[in-house]
Amino acid sequence: MDCDDTDPSIHPGSTEICNSKDDNCNGAIDEGFGTGVFCSAGVGSCQRSGQIVCTSPSTTACSAVAGSPTIEVCNHVDDDCDGLVDEGFDQDGDGYTTCGGDCNDSVASIHPGAVEIFNGVDDDCNNIIDDVVEVVTITLATYRVSSSTLTVEATTNYPVGSVTLSVASYGTMTYVPSAAVYRLIVSPATNPGSVTVVSTAGGSATLTVTVQ
């Protein structure tokens, strides 16, 4: 059935062209041309949305027109529409910008997620200086049966003098500069089996005692 008897080019069997009309009277408009489908133009802040429309009887294009780029600023947005975000604002090349939380963009080792060390600096940019998680390591724990001597040595990643290490149930350890360890030597009647070193900063470690 002719769906538009006022236009001789529109009738069943006619070739469908891109013109927003049902040329072949099959109930579909511009089939095969993908019109009406979502599309976009531009990138970053220039990106605009539109849909596929006819530009000629045989061609289509996106109706969206990209916006105009602006000067790039540090704001998590691709202002200048070049596909890059906040380029030029990571001065130390550590992958973090000042607007991305880098609290010192001139030192690459300082950024969010960095390892905090004792240096008077907020390495991980959490607004707390030297908030280091203490790690206590027992490097030696021996019991000499012949002399009933228990020797325990340990280290901590906290600066010397900032904490006190103790062997639970046996007493305070002494720092030995020549060995760079904290040491305690006591004479219990029997081998304790294991020892636990605790720190005033909250760190601790436990190790099985080696019998000699």
Foldseek 3Di string as FASTA:
>chain_A
DFPDVVDPQAEAPHDAFFDQDNRNPPPDHNPPQQWPDKDWDADWPFIDIATWHDPDRHHIDGPYDTHAADDADQDQTRRRRPPDHNPPQQQCPLPAGVSRQFPDSVDNQAEAPHQAAQDQDNRNNPPDHRPHDKEKAWPAWAAELVQQKTKTKIAIRDDPPPKWKAKPPAGTWPQDVVVRITMDMDRDNDQPQKIKMAMPVGYIDMDGYHYD
